[in-house]
Amino acid sequence: MVIRRTQTRALKEIIEDILKESGIDQKLKERELISHWEEIVGRNIARSTTDLAIHDRKLFIKVRSAVVKNELIMIREGLLQELNRRVGDQILDEIIIR
């Protein structure tokens, strides 16, 4: 018996589909953002931020410095766009700064 393949796909595409269907790709992108936080925002801001977490498409940032908190509030929209651009997907809708 001969099995004919009518459609061939690269292994990469199959793995990407499995990750997307299971929701794992979203978690991987979230982890990527958190692990590259200092690279994205710079050393000074990164040193003043703690407890980064992503829940329900919202990035929660705890800040130790009032000055850094104000700076983050001022650049919030641009930062949101940059973070989403960084992972190539719209994974964040909002940034919550505490």
PDB file of N, CA and C in Angstrom:
ATOM      1  N   MET A   1       0.834  -1.166   0.000  1.00  0.00           N
ATOM      2  CA  MET A   1       0.000   0.000   0.000  1.00  0.00           C
ATOM      3  C   MET A   1       0.892   1.247   0.000  1.00  0.00           C
ATOM      4  N   VAL A   2       0.594   2.172  -0.871  1.00  0.00           N
ATOM      5  CA  VAL A   2       1.357   3.402  -1.016  1.00  0.00           C
ATOM      6  C   VAL A   2       0.569   4.557  -0.401  1.00  0.00           C
ATOM      7  N   ILE A   3       1.256   5.299   0.460  1.00  0.00           N
ATOM      8  CA  ILE A   3       0.628   6.469   1.066  1.00  0.00           C
ATOM      9  C   ILE A   3       1.096   7.695   0.303  1.00  0.00           C
ATOM     10  N   ARG A   4       0.145   8.425  -0.201  1.00  0.00           N
ATOM     11  CA  ARG A   4       0.484   9.639  -0.946  1.00  0.00           C
ATOM     12  C   ARG A   4       0.309  10.853  -0.048  1.00  0.00           C
ATOM     13  N   ARG A   5       1.262  11.681  -0.121  1.00  0.00           N
ATOM     14  CA  ARG A   5       1.180  12.924   0.633  1.00  0.00           C
ATOM     15  C   ARG A   5       0.776  14.032  -0.329  1.00  0.00           C
ATOM     16  N   THR A   6      -0.365  14.583  -0.070  1.00  0.00           N
ATOM     17  CA  THR A   6      -0.843  15.644  -0.953  1.00  0.00           C
ATOM     18  C   THR A   6      -0.319  17.012  -0.536  1.00  0.00           C
ATOM     19  N   GLN A   7       0.061  17.101   0.712  1.00  0.00           N
ATOM     20  CA  GLN A   7       0.561  18.386   1.195  1.00  0.00           C
ATOM     21  C   GLN A   7       1.747  18.133   2.120  1.00  0.00           C
ATOM     22  N   THR A   8       2.869  18.696   1.780  1.00  0.00           N
ATOM     23  CA  THR A   8       4.030  18.563   2.653  1.00  0.00           C
ATOM     24  C   THR A   8       4.271  19.902   3.337  1.00  0.00           C
ATOM     25  N   ARG A   9       4.696  19.808   4.580  1.00  0.00           N
ATOM     26  CA  ARG A   9       4.979  21.008   5.363  1.00  0.00           C
ATOM     27  C   ARG A   9       6.306  20.826   6.071  1.00  0.00           C
ATOM     28  N   ALA A  10       6.949  21.932   6.284  1.00  0.00           N
ATOM     29  CA  ALA A  10       8.218  21.905   7.008  1.00  0.00           C
ATOM     30  C   ALA A  10       7.948  21.593   8.475  1.00  0.00           C
ATOM     31  N   LEU A  11       8.882  20.914   9.092  1.00  0.00           N
ATOM     32  CA  LEU A  11       8.759  20.567  10.505  1.00  0.00           C
ATOM     33  C   LEU A  11       8.570  21.825  11.355  1.00  0.00           C
ATOM     34  N   LYS A  12       9.243  22.896  10.986  1.00  0.00           N
ATOM     35  CA  LYS A  12       9.116  24.163  11.707  1.00  0.00           C
ATOM     36  C   LYS A  12       7.664  24.633  11.727  1.00  0.00           C
ATOM     37  N   GLU A  13       6.972  24.548  10.598  1.00  0.00           N
ATOM     38  CA  GLU A  13       5.567  24.963  10.522  1.00  0.00           C
ATOM     39  C   GLU A  13       4.686  24.098  11.410  1.00  0.00           C
ATOM     40  N   ILE A  14       4.940  22.816  11.420  1.00  0.00           N
ATOM     41  CA  ILE A  14       4.151  21.896  12.238  1.00  0.00           C
ATOM     42  C   ILE A  14       4.335  22.217  13.716  1.00  0.00           C
ATOM     43  N   ILE A  15       5.583  22.430  14.127  1.00  0.00           N
ATOM     44  CA  ILE A  15       5.866  22.756  15.529  1.00  0.00           C
ATOM     45  C   ILE A  15       5.226  24.086  15.906  1.00  0.00           C
ATOM     46  N   GLU A  16       5.327  25.087  15.026  1.00  0.00           N
ATOM     47  CA  GLU A  16       4.703  26.385  15.300  1.00  0.00           C
ATOM     48  C   GLU A  16       3.197  26.250  15.475  1.00  0.00           C
ATOM     49  N   ASP A  17       2.558  25.432  14.639  1.00  0.00           N
ATOM     50  CA  ASP A  17       1.112  25.215  14.753  1.00  0.00           C
ATOM     51  C   ASP A  17       0.747  24.549  16.075  1.00  0.00           C
ATOM     52  N   ILE A  18       1.530  23.564  16.477  1.00  0.00           N
ATOM     53  CA  ILE A  18       1.269  22.868  17.743  1.00  0.00           C
ATOM     54  C   ILE A  18       1.427  23.833  18.916  1.00  0.00           C
ATOM     55  N   LEU A  19       2.487  24.630  18.897  1.00  0.00           N
ATOM     56  CA  LEU A  19       2.712  25.598  19.975  1.00  0.00           C
ATOM     57  C   LEU A  19       1.592  26.631  20.036  1.00  0.00           C
ATOM     58  N   LYS A  20       1.145  27.081  18.875  1.00  0.00           N
ATOM     59  CA  LYS A  20       0.080  28.081  18.831  1.00  0.00           C
ATOM     60  C   LYS A  20      -1.238  27.500  19.336  1.00  0.00           C
ATOM     61  N   GLU A  21      -1.578  26.306  18.896  1.00  0.00           N
ATOM     62  CA  GLU A  21      -2.831  25.674  19.311  1.00  0.00           C
ATOM     63  C   GLU A  21      -2.861  25.403  20.809  1.00  0.00           C
ATOM     64  N   SER A  22      -1.725  25.094  21.384  1.00  0.00           N
ATOM     65  CA  SER A  22      -1.671  24.779  22.813  1.00  0.00           C
ATOM     66  C   SER A  22      -1.513  26.032  23.684  1.00  0.00           C
ATOM     67  N   GLY A  23      -1.211  27.177  23.073  1.00  0.00           N
ATOM     68  CA  GLY A  23      -1.023  28.414  23.828  1.00  0.00           C
ATOM     69  C   GLY A  23       0.386  28.580  24.372  1.00  0.00           C
ATOM     70  N   ILE A  24       1.243  27.631  24.090  1.00  0.00           N
ATOM     71  CA  ILE A  24       2.614  27.702  24.594  1.00  0.00           C
ATOM     72  C   ILE A  24       3.386  28.838  23.936  1.00  0.00           C
ATOM     73  N   ASP A  25       3.086  29.131  22.678  1.00  0.00           N
ATOM     74  CA  ASP A  25       3.810  30.206  21.992  1.00  0.00           C
ATOM     75  C   ASP A  25       3.619  31.545  22.687  1.00  0.00           C
ATOM     76  N   GLN A  26       2.430  31.791  23.206  1.00  0.00           N
ATOM     77  CA  GLN A  26       2.153  33.029  23.941  1.00  0.00           C
ATOM     78  C   GLN A  26       3.030  33.118  25.185  1.00  0.00           C
ATOM     79  N   LYS A  27       3.118  32.027  25.932  1.00  0.00           N
ATOM     80  CA  LYS A  27       3.939  32.006  27.148  1.00  0.00           C
ATOM     81  C   LYS A  27       5.418  32.194  26.816  1.00  0.00           C
ATOM     82  N   LEU A  28       5.870  31.599  25.719  1.00  0.00           N
ATOM     83  CA  LEU A  28       7.267  31.759  25.314  1.00  0.00           C
ATOM     84  C   LEU A  28       7.577  33.217  24.981  1.00  0.00           C
ATOM     85  N   LYS A  29       6.658  33.874  24.299  1.00  0.00           N
ATOM     86  CA  LYS A  29       6.858  35.284  23.961  1.00  0.00           C
ATOM     87  C   LYS A  29       6.858  36.153  25.218  1.00  0.00           C
ATOM     88  N   GLU A  30       5.985  35.833  26.168  1.00  0.00           N
ATOM     89  CA  GLU A  30       5.960  36.569  27.432  1.00  0.00           C
ATOM     90  C   GLU A  30       7.287  36.412  28.171  1.00  0.00           C
ATOM     91  N   ARG A  31       7.796  35.197  28.218  1.00  0.00           N
ATOM     92  CA  ARG A  31       9.086  34.941  28.881  1.00  0.00           C
ATOM     93  C   ARG A  31      10.218  35.681  28.177  1.00  0.00           C
ATOM     94  N   GLU A  32      10.146  35.736  26.854  1.00  0.00           N
ATOM     95  CA  GLU A  32      11.178  36.435  26.087  1.00  0.00           C
ATOM     96  C   GLU A  32      11.218  37.919  26.467  1.00  0.00           C
ATOM     97  N   LEU A  33      10.052  38.539  26.578  1.00  0.00           N
ATOM     98  CA  LEU A  33      10.006  39.954  26.962  1.00  0.00           C
ATOM     99  C   LEU A  33      10.605  40.179  28.339  1.00  0.00           C
ATOM    100  N   ILE A  34      10.218  39.357  29.284  1.00  0.00           N
ATOM    101  CA  ILE A  34      10.712  39.522  30.651  1.00  0.00           C
ATOM    102  C   ILE A  34      12.215  39.281  30.726  1.00  0.00           C
ATOM    103  N   SER A  35      12.702  38.286  29.994  1.00  0.00           N
ATOM    104  CA  SER A  35      14.136  37.982  30.056  1.00  0.00           C
ATOM    105  C   SER A  35      14.991  39.056  29.373  1.00  0.00           C
ATOM    106  N   HIS A  36      14.410  39.814  28.452  1.00  0.00           N
ATOM    107  CA  HIS A  36      15.152  40.873  27.752  1.00  0.00           C
ATOM    108  C   HIS A  36      14.761  42.265  28.246  1.00  0.00           C
ATOM    109  N   TRP A  37      14.145  42.347  29.418  1.00  0.00           N
ATOM    110  CA  TRP A  37      13.654  43.615  29.949  1.00  0.00           C
ATOM    111  C   TRP A  37      14.748  44.687  30.004  1.00  0.00           C
ATOM    112  N   GLU A  38      15.907  44.359  30.570  1.00  0.00           N
ATOM    113  CA  GLU A  38      16.988  45.349  30.692  1.00  0.00           C
ATOM    114  C   GLU A  38      17.448  45.835  29.327  1.00  0.00           C
ATOM    115  N   GLU A  39      17.547  44.941  28.390  1.00  0.00           N
ATOM    116  CA  GLU A  39      17.967  45.295  27.033  1.00  0.00           C
ATOM    117  C   GLU A  39      16.952  46.241  26.374  1.00  0.00           C
ATOM    118  N   ILE A  40      15.678  46.049  26.667  1.00  0.00           N
ATOM    119  CA  ILE A  40      14.620  46.842  26.045  1.00  0.00           C
ATOM    120  C   ILE A  40      14.515  48.231  26.671  1.00  0.00           C
ATOM    121  N   VAL A  41      14.525  48.306  28.006  1.00  0.00           N
ATOM    122  CA  VAL A  41      14.285  49.596  28.678  1.00  0.00           C
ATOM    123  C   VAL A  41      15.556  50.296  29.135  1.00  0.00           C
ATOM    124  N   GLY A  42      16.663  49.596  29.154  1.00  0.00           N
ATOM    125  CA  GLY A  42      17.914  50.190  29.614  1.00  0.00           C
ATOM    126  C   GLY A  42      18.211  49.821  31.056  1.00  0.00           C
ATOM    127  N   ARG A  43      19.475  49.927  31.406  1.00  0.00           N
ATOM    128  CA  ARG A  43      19.951  49.488  32.720  1.00  0.00           C
ATOM    129  C   ARG A  43      19.332  50.284  33.873  1.00  0.00           C
ATOM    130  N   ASN A  44      19.247  51.610  33.739  1.00  0.00           N
ATOM    131  CA  ASN A  44      18.743  52.436  34.841  1.00  0.00           C
ATOM    132  C   ASN A  44      17.299  52.104  35.197  1.00  0.00           C
ATOM    133  N   ILE A  45      16.446  51.999  34.195  1.00  0.00           N
ATOM    134  CA  ILE A  45      15.046  51.661  34.463  1.00  0.00           C
ATOM    135  C   ILE A  45      14.940  50.235  34.978  1.00  0.00           C
ATOM    136  N   ALA A  46      15.666  49.318  34.375  1.00  0.00           N
ATOM    137  CA  ALA A  46      15.597  47.909  34.788  1.00  0.00           C
ATOM    138  C   ALA A  46      16.001  47.729  36.249  1.00  0.00           C
ATOM    139  N   ARG A  47      16.989  48.482  36.700  1.00  0.00           N
ATOM    140  CA  ARG A  47      17.437  48.364  38.096  1.00  0.00           C
ATOM    141  C   ARG A  47      16.383  48.852  39.090  1.00  0.00           C
ATOM    142  N   SER A  48      15.515  49.745  38.637  1.00  0.00           N
ATOM    143  CA  SER A  48      14.489  50.295  39.528  1.00  0.00           C
ATOM    144  C   SER A  48      13.158  49.554  39.438  1.00  0.00           C
ATOM    145  N   THR A  49      13.080  48.569  38.560  1.00  0.00           N
ATOM    146  CA  THR A  49      11.833  47.813  38.421  1.00  0.00           C
ATOM    147  C   THR A  49      12.009  46.408  38.982  1.00  0.00           C
ATOM    148  N   THR A  50      10.947  45.918  39.592  1.00  0.00           N
ATOM    149  CA  THR A  50      10.956  44.563  40.146  1.00  0.00           C
ATOM    150  C   THR A  50       9.623  43.899  39.843  1.00  0.00           C
ATOM    151  N   ASP A  51       9.563  42.627  40.091  1.00  0.00           N
ATOM    152  CA  ASP A  51       8.312  41.873  39.984  1.00  0.00           C
ATOM    153  C   ASP A  51       7.578  42.094  38.667  1.00  0.00           C
ATOM    154  N   LEU A  52       8.257  41.874  37.563  1.00  0.00           N
ATOM    155  CA  LEU A  52       7.600  41.927  36.264  1.00  0.00           C
ATOM    156  C   LEU A  52       6.738  40.681  36.104  1.00  0.00           C
ATOM    157  N   ALA A  53       5.506  40.877  35.672  1.00  0.00           N
ATOM    158  CA  ALA A  53       4.615  39.738  35.457  1.00  0.00           C
ATOM    159  C   ALA A  53       3.621  40.085  34.361  1.00  0.00           C
ATOM    160  N   ILE A  54       3.223  39.070  33.601  1.00  0.00           N
ATOM    161  CA  ILE A  54       2.228  39.256  32.552  1.00  0.00           C
ATOM    162  C   ILE A  54       1.039  38.363  32.873  1.00  0.00           C
ATOM    163  N   HIS A  55      -0.144  38.997  32.960  1.00  0.00           N
ATOM    164  CA  HIS A  55      -1.398  38.276  33.202  1.00  0.00           C
ATOM    165  C   HIS A  55      -2.483  38.911  32.339  1.00  0.00           C
ATOM    166  N   ASP A  56      -3.232  38.088  31.644  1.00  0.00           N
ATOM    167  CA  ASP A  56      -4.359  38.574  30.834  1.00  0.00           C
ATOM    168  C   ASP A  56      -3.958  39.711  29.901  1.00  0.00           C
ATOM    169  N   ARG A  57      -2.837  39.537  29.218  1.00  0.00           N
ATOM    170  CA  ARG A  57      -2.344  40.490  28.229  1.00  0.00           C
ATOM    171  C   ARG A  57      -1.968  41.847  28.833  1.00  0.00           C
ATOM    172  N   LYS A  58      -1.696  41.860  30.145  1.00  0.00           N
ATOM    173  CA  LYS A  58      -1.272  43.074  30.836  1.00  0.00           C
ATOM    174  C   LYS A  58       0.082  42.831  31.479  1.00  0.00           C
ATOM    175  N   LEU A  59       0.992  43.789  31.287  1.00  0.00           N
ATOM    176  CA  LEU A  59       2.306  43.730  31.926  1.00  0.00           C
ATOM    177  C   LEU A  59       2.236  44.532  33.215  1.00  0.00           C
ATOM    178  N   PHE A  60       2.505  43.862  34.338  1.00  0.00           N
ATOM    179  CA  PHE A  60       2.519  44.507  35.641  1.00  0.00           C
ATOM    180  C   PHE A  60       3.967  44.766  36.032  1.00  0.00           C
ATOM    181  N   ILE A  61       4.256  46.017  36.373  1.00  0.00           N
ATOM    182  CA  ILE A  61       5.611  46.422  36.731  1.00  0.00           C
ATOM    183  C   ILE A  61       5.571  47.081  38.105  1.00  0.00           C
ATOM    184  N   LYS A  62       6.388  46.592  39.006  1.00  0.00           N
ATOM    185  CA  LYS A  62       6.530  47.234  40.311  1.00  0.00           C
ATOM    186  C   LYS A  62       7.801  48.073  40.258  1.00  0.00           C
ATOM    187  N   VAL A  63       7.686  49.340  40.668  1.00  0.00           N
ATOM    188  CA  VAL A  63       8.793  50.286  40.554  1.00  0.00           C
ATOM    189  C   VAL A  63       9.166  50.809  41.939  1.00  0.00           C
ATOM    190  N   ARG A  64      10.475  50.863  42.203  1.00  0.00           N
ATOM    191  CA  ARG A  64      10.977  51.353  43.500  1.00  0.00           C
ATOM    192  C   ARG A  64      11.159  52.858  43.543  1.00  0.00           C
ATOM    193  N   SER A  65      11.288  53.483  42.399  1.00  0.00           N
ATOM    194  CA  SER A  65      11.616  54.909  42.330  1.00  0.00           C
ATOM    195  C   SER A  65      10.454  55.696  41.719  1.00  0.00           C
ATOM    196  N   ALA A  66      10.069  56.779  42.391  1.00  0.00           N
ATOM    197  CA  ALA A  66       8.998  57.636  41.874  1.00  0.00           C
ATOM    198  C   ALA A  66       9.401  58.284  40.549  1.00  0.00           C
ATOM    199  N   VAL A  67      10.673  58.618  40.420  1.00  0.00           N
ATOM    200  CA  VAL A  67      11.165  59.236  39.187  1.00  0.00           C
ATOM    201  C   VAL A  67      11.035  58.261  38.022  1.00  0.00           C
ATOM    202  N   VAL A  68      11.447  57.022  38.237  1.00  0.00           N
ATOM    203  CA  VAL A  68      11.355  56.005  37.185  1.00  0.00           C
ATOM    204  C   VAL A  68       9.892  55.698  36.882  1.00  0.00           C
ATOM    205  N   LYS A  69       9.062  55.677  37.903  1.00  0.00           N
ATOM    206  CA  LYS A  69       7.631  55.435  37.690  1.00  0.00           C
ATOM    207  C   LYS A  69       7.045  56.508  36.775  1.00  0.00           C
ATOM    208  N   ASN A  70       7.366  57.765  37.038  1.00  0.00           N
ATOM    209  CA  ASN A  70       6.879  58.858  36.189  1.00  0.00           C
ATOM    210  C   ASN A  70       7.404  58.735  34.763  1.00  0.00           C
ATOM    211  N   GLU A  71       8.662  58.358  34.629  1.00  0.00           N
ATOM    212  CA  GLU A  71       9.239  58.180  33.294  1.00  0.00           C
ATOM    213  C   GLU A  71       8.517  57.068  32.540  1.00  0.00           C
ATOM    214  N   LEU A  72       8.254  55.950  33.214  1.00  0.00           N
ATOM    215  CA  LEU A  72       7.538  54.842  32.579  1.00  0.00           C
ATOM    216  C   LEU A  72       6.117  55.243  32.187  1.00  0.00           C
ATOM    217  N   ILE A  73       5.475  56.019  33.027  1.00  0.00           N
ATOM    218  CA  ILE A  73       4.124  56.486  32.700  1.00  0.00           C
ATOM    219  C   ILE A  73       4.153  57.345  31.435  1.00  0.00           C
ATOM    220  N   MET A  74       5.173  58.189  31.307  1.00  0.00           N
ATOM    221  CA  MET A  74       5.277  59.070  30.141  1.00  0.00           C
ATOM    222  C   MET A  74       5.557  58.298  28.854  1.00  0.00           C
ATOM    223  N   ILE A  75       6.301  57.199  28.940  1.00  0.00           N
ATOM    224  CA  ILE A  75       6.662  56.447  27.729  1.00  0.00           C
ATOM    225  C   ILE A  75       5.827  55.173  27.569  1.00  0.00           C
ATOM    226  N   ARG A  76       4.784  55.027  28.354  1.00  0.00           N
ATOM    227  CA  ARG A  76       3.999  53.785  28.403  1.00  0.00           C
ATOM    228  C   ARG A  76       3.527  53.312  27.026  1.00  0.00           C
ATOM    229  N   GLU A  77       2.913  54.182  26.242  1.00  0.00           N
ATOM    230  CA  GLU A  77       2.370  53.770  24.941  1.00  0.00           C
ATOM    231  C   GLU A  77       3.476  53.345  23.976  1.00  0.00           C
ATOM    232  N   GLY A  78       4.543  54.120  23.926  1.00  0.00           N
ATOM    233  CA  GLY A  78       5.663  53.756  23.062  1.00  0.00           C
ATOM    234  C   GLY A  78       6.316  52.462  23.500  1.00  0.00           C
ATOM    235  N   LEU A  79       6.425  52.273  24.808  1.00  0.00           N
ATOM    236  CA  LEU A  79       7.001  51.044  25.353  1.00  0.00           C
ATOM    237  C   LEU A  79       6.129  49.844  25.009  1.00  0.00           C
ATOM    238  N   LEU A  80       4.825  50.012  25.108  1.00  0.00           N
ATOM    239  CA  LEU A  80       3.892  48.937  24.764  1.00  0.00           C
ATOM    240  C   LEU A  80       4.067  48.520  23.307  1.00  0.00           C
ATOM    241  N   GLN A  81       4.154  49.491  22.426  1.00  0.00           N
ATOM    242  CA  GLN A  81       4.360  49.194  21.008  1.00  0.00           C
ATOM    243  C   GLN A  81       5.697  48.500  20.773  1.00  0.00           C
ATOM    244  N   GLU A  82       6.737  48.972  21.436  1.00  0.00           N
ATOM    245  CA  GLU A  82       8.068  48.377  21.270  1.00  0.00           C
ATOM    246  C   GLU A  82       8.105  46.941  21.781  1.00  0.00           C
ATOM    247  N   LEU A  83       7.470  46.686  22.910  1.00  0.00           N
ATOM    248  CA  LEU A  83       7.450  45.326  23.460  1.00  0.00           C
ATOM    249  C   LEU A  83       6.735  44.371  22.509  1.00  0.00           C
ATOM    250  N   ASN A  84       5.603  44.786  21.974  1.00  0.00           N
ATOM    251  CA  ASN A  84       4.876  43.938  21.029  1.00  0.00           C
ATOM    252  C   ASN A  84       5.669  43.746  19.736  1.00  0.00           C
ATOM    253  N   ARG A  85       6.311  44.810  19.279  1.00  0.00           N
ATOM    254  CA  ARG A  85       7.125  44.704  18.065  1.00  0.00           C
ATOM    255  C   ARG A  85       8.282  43.735  18.278  1.00  0.00           C
ATOM    256  N   ARG A  86       8.823  43.775  19.470  1.00  0.00           N
ATOM    257  CA  ARG A  86       9.985  42.953  19.805  1.00  0.00           C
ATOM    258  C   ARG A  86       9.714  41.461  19.607  1.00  0.00           C
ATOM    259  N   VAL A  87       8.506  41.021  19.967  1.00  0.00           N
ATOM    260  CA  VAL A  87       8.175  39.600  19.822  1.00  0.00           C
ATOM    261  C   VAL A  87       7.404  39.318  18.537  1.00  0.00           C
ATOM    262  N   GLY A  88       7.105  40.358  17.767  1.00  0.00           N
ATOM    263  CA  GLY A  88       6.440  40.166  16.491  1.00  0.00           C
ATOM    264  C   GLY A  88       4.979  39.781  16.598  1.00  0.00           C
ATOM    265  N   ASP A  89       4.338  40.166  17.694  1.00  0.00           N
ATOM    266  CA  ASP A  89       2.938  39.800  17.897  1.00  0.00           C
ATOM    267  C   ASP A  89       2.325  40.749  18.921  1.00  0.00           C
ATOM    268  N   GLN A  90       1.030  40.897  18.868  1.00  0.00           N
ATOM    269  CA  GLN A  90       0.306  41.747  19.826  1.00  0.00           C
ATOM    270  C   GLN A  90      -0.016  40.904  21.059  1.00  0.00           C
ATOM    271  N   ILE A  91       0.956  40.759  21.972  1.00  0.00           N
ATOM    272  CA  ILE A  91       0.717  39.931  23.159  1.00  0.00           C
ATOM    273  C   ILE A  91       0.328  40.759  24.376  1.00  0.00           C
ATOM    274  N   LEU A  92       0.590  42.072  24.321  1.00  0.00           N
ATOM    275  CA  LEU A  92       0.248  42.951  25.439  1.00  0.00           C
ATOM    276  C   LEU A  92      -0.752  44.007  24.982  1.00  0.00           C
ATOM    277  N   ASP A  93      -1.736  44.275  25.845  1.00  0.00           N
ATOM    278  CA  ASP A  93      -2.703  45.334  25.575  1.00  0.00           C
ATOM    279  C   ASP A  93      -2.512  46.531  26.501  1.00  0.00           C
ATOM    280  N   GLU A  94      -1.858  46.294  27.632  1.00  0.00           N
ATOM    281  CA  GLU A  94      -1.779  47.349  28.637  1.00  0.00           C
ATOM    282  C   GLU A  94      -0.550  47.147  29.522  1.00  0.00           C
ATOM    283  N   ILE A  95      -0.037  48.254  30.054  1.00  0.00           N
ATOM    284  CA  ILE A  95       1.047  48.209  31.034  1.00  0.00           C
ATOM    285  C   ILE A  95       0.529  48.848  32.320  1.00  0.00           C
ATOM    286  N   ILE A  96       0.611  48.101  33.403  1.00  0.00           N
ATOM    287  CA  ILE A  96       0.185  48.576  34.716  1.00  0.00           C
ATOM    288  C   ILE A  96       1.445  48.841  35.539  1.00  0.00           C
ATOM    289  N   ILE A  97       1.603  50.083  36.001  1.00  0.00           N
ATOM    290  CA  ILE A  97       2.799  50.477  36.753  1.00  0.00           C
ATOM    291  C   ILE A  97       2.396  50.760  38.190  1.00  0.00           C
ATOM    292  N   ARG A  98       3.060  50.078  39.115  1.00  0.00           N
ATOM    293  CA  ARG A  98       2.738  50.240  40.545  1.00  0.00           C
ATOM    294  C   ARG A  98       3.934  50.740  41.308  1.00  0.00           C
TER     295      ARG A  98
END
